[in-house]
């Protein structure tokens, strides 16, 4: 987050990152989903906006690469023309349909 996205582009953004996630490299890796896929016990659903500047697509790609490497089950959908959040009605509809289908497939009650 210090190198990608738009948060670090502003001085208050850097201060926010330092306060919220710190600067210790070992701690950052310890909290990073991409470095912790070995701890997962359930499949993962990733839905990401391709134009997201807050959480850039590289973060979703990093997680996907780690999931692939670990051979952990996942599904990914990239909405190329969406940003941080799903603001277009068709994207929200697709998102909720994906979530419901994913839960229907993987949530065993």
N, C-alpha and C. Protein backbone atom coordinates (compact mmCIF):
# COMPACT_ATOMS: atom_id res chain seq x y z
N UNK A 1 0.81 -1.20 0.00
CA UNK A 1 0.00 0.00 0.00
C UNK A 1 0.85 1.26 0.00
N UNK A 2 2.09 1.11 0.42
CA UNK A 2 3.00 2.25 0.39
C UNK A 2 3.49 2.53 -1.03
N UNK A 3 3.41 1.56 -1.91
CA UNK A 3 3.94 1.71 -3.26
C UNK A 3 2.88 1.72 -4.34
N UNK A 4 1.71 1.17 -4.08
CA UNK A 4 0.65 1.09 -5.08
C UNK A 4 -0.59 1.78 -4.57
N UNK A 5 -1.41 2.25 -5.49
CA UNK A 5 -2.65 2.90 -5.11
C UNK A 5 -2.48 4.38 -4.92
N UNK A 6 -3.53 5.03 -4.44
CA UNK A 6 -3.50 6.48 -4.32
C UNK A 6 -3.36 6.98 -2.88
N UNK A 7 -3.37 6.09 -1.92
CA UNK A 7 -3.31 6.53 -0.52
C UNK A 7 -1.99 7.23 -0.21
N UNK A 8 -0.89 6.64 -0.63
CA UNK A 8 0.43 7.20 -0.31
C UNK A 8 0.75 8.46 -1.12
N UNK A 9 -0.09 8.82 -2.07
CA UNK A 9 0.17 9.99 -2.90
C UNK A 9 -0.06 11.30 -2.14
N UNK A 10 -0.65 11.22 -0.97
CA UNK A 10 -0.93 12.40 -0.16
C UNK A 10 -0.25 12.26 1.20
N UNK A 11 0.19 13.36 1.77
CA UNK A 11 0.89 13.27 3.06
C UNK A 11 -0.01 12.68 4.14
N UNK A 12 -1.29 13.04 4.14
CA UNK A 12 -2.19 12.47 5.15
C UNK A 12 -2.41 10.98 4.88
N UNK A 13 -2.28 10.56 3.63
CA UNK A 13 -2.39 9.14 3.30
C UNK A 13 -1.24 8.34 3.87
N UNK A 14 -0.03 8.88 3.78
CA UNK A 14 1.14 8.21 4.35
C UNK A 14 1.00 8.14 5.87
N UNK A 15 0.56 9.24 6.47
CA UNK A 15 0.35 9.24 7.93
C UNK A 15 -0.70 8.21 8.32
N UNK A 16 -1.75 8.12 7.54
CA UNK A 16 -2.79 7.12 7.78
C UNK A 16 -2.21 5.71 7.74
N UNK A 17 -1.43 5.41 6.69
CA UNK A 17 -0.82 4.08 6.57
C UNK A 17 0.09 3.77 7.74
N UNK A 18 0.91 4.75 8.13
CA UNK A 18 1.82 4.53 9.26
C UNK A 18 1.05 4.24 10.54
N UNK A 19 -0.05 4.96 10.75
CA UNK A 19 -0.85 4.78 11.95
C UNK A 19 -1.61 3.46 11.93
N UNK A 20 -2.20 3.12 10.80
CA UNK A 20 -3.09 1.97 10.73
C UNK A 20 -2.35 0.65 10.51
N UNK A 21 -1.38 0.62 9.59
CA UNK A 21 -0.71 -0.65 9.30
C UNK A 21 0.76 -0.67 9.71
N UNK A 22 1.31 0.48 10.04
CA UNK A 22 2.70 0.53 10.49
C UNK A 22 3.69 0.45 9.34
N UNK A 23 4.96 0.25 9.69
CA UNK A 23 6.03 0.22 8.68
C UNK A 23 6.91 -1.02 8.80
N UNK A 24 6.69 -1.84 9.81
CA UNK A 24 7.51 -3.02 10.02
C UNK A 24 7.24 -4.06 8.93
N UNK A 25 8.25 -4.36 8.13
CA UNK A 25 8.11 -5.26 6.98
C UNK A 25 7.59 -6.64 7.40
N UNK A 26 8.09 -7.18 8.49
CA UNK A 26 7.64 -8.50 8.95
C UNK A 26 6.16 -8.47 9.34
N UNK A 27 5.75 -7.40 10.01
CA UNK A 27 4.34 -7.28 10.39
C UNK A 27 3.45 -7.11 9.16
N UNK A 28 3.90 -6.31 8.19
CA UNK A 28 3.12 -6.11 6.98
C UNK A 28 2.90 -7.43 6.26
N UNK A 29 3.94 -8.26 6.16
CA UNK A 29 3.80 -9.57 5.53
C UNK A 29 2.90 -10.47 6.37
N UNK A 30 2.98 -10.37 7.67
CA UNK A 30 2.16 -11.21 8.54
C UNK A 30 0.67 -10.91 8.37
N UNK A 31 0.34 -9.67 8.02
CA UNK A 31 -1.06 -9.28 7.83
C UNK A 31 -1.53 -9.38 6.39
N UNK A 32 -0.62 -9.60 5.46
CA UNK A 32 -0.95 -9.61 4.04
C UNK A 32 -1.66 -10.90 3.64
N UNK A 33 -2.85 -10.81 3.03
CA UNK A 33 -3.53 -12.02 2.57
C UNK A 33 -2.68 -12.85 1.62
N UNK A 34 -1.92 -12.21 0.75
CA UNK A 34 -1.11 -12.94 -0.23
C UNK A 34 -0.01 -13.77 0.42
N UNK A 35 0.41 -13.38 1.61
CA UNK A 35 1.45 -14.12 2.32
C UNK A 35 0.87 -15.12 3.33
N UNK A 36 -0.44 -15.26 3.35
CA UNK A 36 -1.07 -16.11 4.36
C UNK A 36 -2.07 -17.11 3.79
N UNK A 37 -1.98 -17.40 2.52
CA UNK A 37 -2.95 -18.32 1.91
C UNK A 37 -2.85 -19.72 2.51
N UNK A 38 -1.71 -20.07 3.07
CA UNK A 38 -1.55 -21.39 3.70
C UNK A 38 -2.46 -21.57 4.92
N UNK A 39 -2.99 -20.47 5.45
CA UNK A 39 -3.86 -20.54 6.62
C UNK A 39 -5.33 -20.66 6.26
N UNK A 40 -5.64 -20.53 5.00
CA UNK A 40 -7.04 -20.57 4.56
C UNK A 40 -7.62 -21.97 4.68
N UNK A 41 -8.90 -22.02 5.03
CA UNK A 41 -9.58 -23.30 5.16
C UNK A 41 -10.78 -23.38 4.22
N UNK A 42 -11.10 -22.29 3.55
CA UNK A 42 -12.27 -22.25 2.68
C UNK A 42 -11.89 -21.62 1.34
N UNK A 43 -12.66 -21.92 0.30
CA UNK A 43 -12.43 -21.27 -1.00
C UNK A 43 -12.57 -19.75 -0.86
N UNK A 44 -11.98 -19.03 -1.80
CA UNK A 44 -11.94 -17.57 -1.76
C UNK A 44 -12.63 -17.01 -3.00
N UNK A 45 -13.43 -15.98 -2.81
CA UNK A 45 -14.04 -15.24 -3.91
C UNK A 45 -13.39 -13.87 -3.97
N UNK A 46 -12.87 -13.51 -5.14
CA UNK A 46 -12.27 -12.19 -5.36
C UNK A 46 -13.09 -11.51 -6.45
N UNK A 47 -13.62 -10.34 -6.14
CA UNK A 47 -14.29 -9.50 -7.14
C UNK A 47 -13.64 -8.13 -7.01
N UNK A 48 -13.07 -7.65 -8.11
CA UNK A 48 -12.23 -6.45 -8.01
C UNK A 48 -12.48 -5.53 -9.20
N UNK A 49 -12.43 -4.24 -8.93
CA UNK A 49 -12.53 -3.25 -9.98
C UNK A 49 -11.19 -3.02 -10.65
N UNK A 50 -11.13 -3.14 -11.95
CA UNK A 50 -9.89 -2.99 -12.69
C UNK A 50 -9.32 -1.59 -12.66
N UNK A 51 -10.16 -0.60 -12.38
CA UNK A 51 -9.70 0.79 -12.32
C UNK A 51 -9.59 1.30 -10.88
N UNK A 52 -9.57 0.40 -9.93
CA UNK A 52 -9.50 0.78 -8.51
C UNK A 52 -8.14 1.40 -8.21
N UNK A 53 -8.15 2.64 -7.76
CA UNK A 53 -6.90 3.32 -7.41
C UNK A 53 -6.58 3.19 -5.93
N UNK A 54 -7.56 2.90 -5.11
CA UNK A 54 -7.34 2.76 -3.67
C UNK A 54 -6.70 1.40 -3.38
N UNK A 55 -7.29 0.35 -3.93
CA UNK A 55 -6.74 -1.00 -3.80
C UNK A 55 -6.47 -1.48 -5.23
N UNK A 56 -5.31 -1.15 -5.78
CA UNK A 56 -5.04 -1.40 -7.18
C UNK A 56 -5.13 -2.88 -7.56
N UNK A 57 -5.38 -3.11 -8.83
CA UNK A 57 -5.56 -4.46 -9.36
C UNK A 57 -4.37 -5.36 -9.03
N UNK A 58 -3.19 -4.78 -8.87
CA UNK A 58 -2.01 -5.58 -8.53
C UNK A 58 -2.20 -6.34 -7.22
N UNK A 59 -2.98 -5.79 -6.31
CA UNK A 59 -3.23 -6.48 -5.05
C UNK A 59 -4.07 -7.73 -5.27
N UNK A 60 -5.09 -7.64 -6.10
CA UNK A 60 -5.90 -8.82 -6.43
C UNK A 60 -5.05 -9.83 -7.20
N UNK A 61 -4.22 -9.34 -8.11
CA UNK A 61 -3.37 -10.24 -8.89
C UNK A 61 -2.35 -10.95 -8.00
N UNK A 62 -1.83 -10.26 -7.01
CA UNK A 62 -0.89 -10.85 -6.07
C UNK A 62 -1.56 -11.96 -5.26
N UNK A 63 -2.77 -11.70 -4.80
CA UNK A 63 -3.51 -12.71 -4.06
C UNK A 63 -3.82 -13.90 -4.96
N UNK A 64 -4.25 -13.62 -6.18
CA UNK A 64 -4.56 -14.70 -7.11
C UNK A 64 -3.32 -15.57 -7.37
N UNK A 65 -2.17 -14.94 -7.58
CA UNK A 65 -0.94 -15.69 -7.82
C UNK A 65 -0.60 -16.59 -6.63
N UNK A 66 -0.77 -16.07 -5.42
CA UNK A 66 -0.48 -16.87 -4.23
C UNK A 66 -1.46 -18.03 -4.10
N UNK A 67 -2.74 -17.79 -4.41
CA UNK A 67 -3.73 -18.86 -4.36
C UNK A 67 -3.43 -19.94 -5.39
N UNK A 68 -3.05 -19.52 -6.59
CA UNK A 68 -2.68 -20.49 -7.64
C UNK A 68 -1.49 -21.33 -7.21
N UNK A 69 -0.47 -20.65 -6.71
CA UNK A 69 0.75 -21.35 -6.29
C UNK A 69 0.45 -22.37 -5.20
N UNK A 70 -0.45 -22.02 -4.29
CA UNK A 70 -0.82 -22.92 -3.19
C UNK A 70 -1.87 -23.95 -3.61
N UNK A 71 -2.35 -23.82 -4.85
CA UNK A 71 -3.42 -24.69 -5.35
C UNK A 71 -4.66 -24.62 -4.45
N UNK A 72 -4.92 -23.42 -3.96
CA UNK A 72 -6.08 -23.19 -3.10
C UNK A 72 -7.27 -22.80 -3.99
N UNK A 73 -8.45 -23.36 -3.76
CA UNK A 73 -9.60 -23.04 -4.62
C UNK A 73 -10.04 -21.58 -4.47
N UNK A 74 -10.31 -20.97 -5.62
CA UNK A 74 -10.77 -19.58 -5.62
C UNK A 74 -11.51 -19.30 -6.92
N UNK A 75 -12.25 -18.22 -6.90
CA UNK A 75 -12.89 -17.67 -8.10
C UNK A 75 -12.53 -16.20 -8.15
N UNK A 76 -12.33 -15.69 -9.35
CA UNK A 76 -12.00 -14.27 -9.48
C UNK A 76 -12.82 -13.66 -10.62
N UNK A 77 -13.30 -12.48 -10.39
CA UNK A 77 -13.98 -11.69 -11.41
C UNK A 77 -13.40 -10.29 -11.35
N UNK A 78 -12.94 -9.81 -12.48
CA UNK A 78 -12.42 -8.45 -12.59
C UNK A 78 -13.41 -7.63 -13.40
N UNK A 79 -13.87 -6.54 -12.84
CA UNK A 79 -14.75 -5.62 -13.55
C UNK A 79 -13.87 -4.49 -14.07
N UNK A 80 -13.46 -4.63 -15.32
CA UNK A 80 -12.43 -3.75 -15.90
C UNK A 80 -12.74 -2.27 -15.78
N UNK A 81 -14.00 -1.89 -15.94
CA UNK A 81 -14.33 -0.46 -15.95
C UNK A 81 -15.00 -0.01 -14.64
N UNK A 82 -14.54 -0.59 -13.54
CA UNK A 82 -15.07 -0.21 -12.23
C UNK A 82 -13.91 0.16 -11.32
N UNK A 83 -14.18 1.02 -10.34
CA UNK A 83 -13.13 1.47 -9.44
C UNK A 83 -13.27 0.83 -8.08
N UNK A 84 -13.10 1.64 -7.03
CA UNK A 84 -13.13 1.17 -5.63
C UNK A 84 -14.58 1.17 -5.17
N UNK A 85 -15.21 0.04 -5.22
CA UNK A 85 -16.64 -0.08 -4.95
C UNK A 85 -17.34 -0.33 -6.27
N UNK A 86 -18.54 -0.82 -6.18
CA UNK A 86 -19.29 -1.13 -7.41
C UNK A 86 -20.43 -0.14 -7.52
N UNK A 87 -20.25 0.85 -8.35
CA UNK A 87 -21.19 1.96 -8.46
C UNK A 87 -22.18 1.79 -9.61
N UNK A 88 -21.81 1.01 -10.59
CA UNK A 88 -22.71 0.79 -11.72
C UNK A 88 -23.70 -0.32 -11.36
N UNK A 89 -24.96 -0.09 -11.66
CA UNK A 89 -26.00 -1.04 -11.27
C UNK A 89 -25.71 -2.44 -11.80
N UNK A 90 -25.26 -2.54 -13.05
CA UNK A 90 -24.99 -3.87 -13.61
C UNK A 90 -23.83 -4.56 -12.89
N UNK A 91 -22.88 -3.78 -12.37
CA UNK A 91 -21.78 -4.37 -11.61
C UNK A 91 -22.23 -4.83 -10.23
N UNK A 92 -23.08 -4.04 -9.60
CA UNK A 92 -23.61 -4.46 -8.29
C UNK A 92 -24.44 -5.73 -8.45
N UNK A 93 -25.24 -5.77 -9.50
CA UNK A 93 -26.06 -6.96 -9.75
C UNK A 93 -25.18 -8.17 -9.98
N UNK A 94 -24.16 -8.03 -10.81
CA UNK A 94 -23.23 -9.13 -11.07
C UNK A 94 -22.53 -9.55 -9.78
N UNK A 95 -22.08 -8.58 -9.00
CA UNK A 95 -21.40 -8.87 -7.75
C UNK A 95 -22.28 -9.70 -6.82
N UNK A 96 -23.51 -9.25 -6.59
CA UNK A 96 -24.39 -9.98 -5.68
C UNK A 96 -24.73 -11.36 -6.21
N UNK A 97 -24.89 -11.50 -7.52
CA UNK A 97 -25.13 -12.83 -8.09
C UNK A 97 -23.93 -13.73 -7.88
N UNK A 98 -22.73 -13.19 -8.04
CA UNK A 98 -21.50 -13.97 -7.81
C UNK A 98 -21.42 -14.41 -6.35
N UNK A 99 -21.68 -13.49 -5.43
CA UNK A 99 -21.60 -13.81 -4.00
C UNK A 99 -22.63 -14.89 -3.66
N UNK A 100 -23.86 -14.73 -4.11
CA UNK A 100 -24.89 -15.72 -3.80
C UNK A 100 -24.56 -17.09 -4.38
N UNK A 101 -24.08 -17.13 -5.63
CA UNK A 101 -23.70 -18.40 -6.24
C UNK A 101 -22.54 -19.03 -5.51
N UNK A 102 -21.56 -18.22 -5.13
CA UNK A 102 -20.38 -18.71 -4.41
C UNK A 102 -20.80 -19.31 -3.06
N UNK A 103 -21.63 -18.58 -2.35
CA UNK A 103 -22.10 -19.09 -1.05
C UNK A 103 -22.94 -20.34 -1.23
N UNK A 104 -23.77 -20.37 -2.25
CA UNK A 104 -24.59 -21.55 -2.52
C UNK A 104 -23.70 -22.78 -2.80
N UNK A 105 -22.60 -22.55 -3.50
CA UNK A 105 -21.68 -23.66 -3.82
C UNK A 105 -20.85 -24.10 -2.63
N UNK A 106 -20.46 -23.16 -1.77
CA UNK A 106 -19.45 -23.47 -0.77
C UNK A 106 -19.91 -23.43 0.69
N UNK A 107 -21.04 -22.84 0.96
CA UNK A 107 -21.52 -22.75 2.33
C UNK A 107 -22.44 -23.94 2.61
N UNK A 108 -21.96 -24.80 3.44
CA UNK A 108 -22.73 -26.01 3.77
C UNK A 108 -23.29 -25.85 5.19
N UNK A 109 -24.61 -25.72 5.26
CA UNK A 109 -25.27 -25.56 6.56
C UNK A 109 -25.92 -26.86 6.99
